[in-house]
């Protein structure tokens, strides 16, 4: 890792008041922020302050020496939520020390590092699936069913169901796709083949490719685990 990486050059704010981070928390929130239990899952309803507790916990553990903020990775699902996380952490005294982002953006950043360090050509990122999937549909269904087919393929990819297994799994799980499961499986297979031919990946591929790199390349996996030793997930 580069010695000039700003993520590693920053130092905690010496003037930050760790005890002040606990002000305004109720008893349950206070316990969630300060407990040394690991791993820790916080279950609470919408609007109960989970993100507030998460950012306070990151800041409090960092400012009391329990975490090195330069080794913290905070993940969430949307860019808006990631921006809010970073903003709240800066307000709490951590400036830009903590790496925070969406699952997909962090996976993409790690993959780009992986490809670059191994002199591998980086595939292009496919932002919209419609242009690839629409021509694979029957002509009389292209204008009416493409959105539903895209959603069904995304459902399968999120569960790591490959094209060849889609029909059986969809039927077993009681799915009601817009076309016959065998047809969806064929379209799904064609979509994956077209991406491979054009050296492209979609957002759904990023998590799977990153997981494979972390598990399959020991040096890369060890480097990422060394860099990010404290993991926090908002809205898991």
Foldseek 3Di string as FASTA:
>chain_A
DDPPPVLPPDDFDPPFDLVVLQPPDDPVLNCLQPPPDPPDDDDDDPPPCPLSSQLNSLLNCCVVVNDVQSQAEEEEADAVVQVVSQVVNVVNGGNRNHHYDYLLVVLVVLVVVVCVVVVHDAFAEDEDLLVQLLVLDPPVCSVPASVQLVVLLLVCLLVPNALVCQQVVCVVVVHDGPDRSPSSSVSRVSSVVVCVVRRYDYSSVSNVVSVCCLVVPVVSVVVSCVRHVHYHYDPD
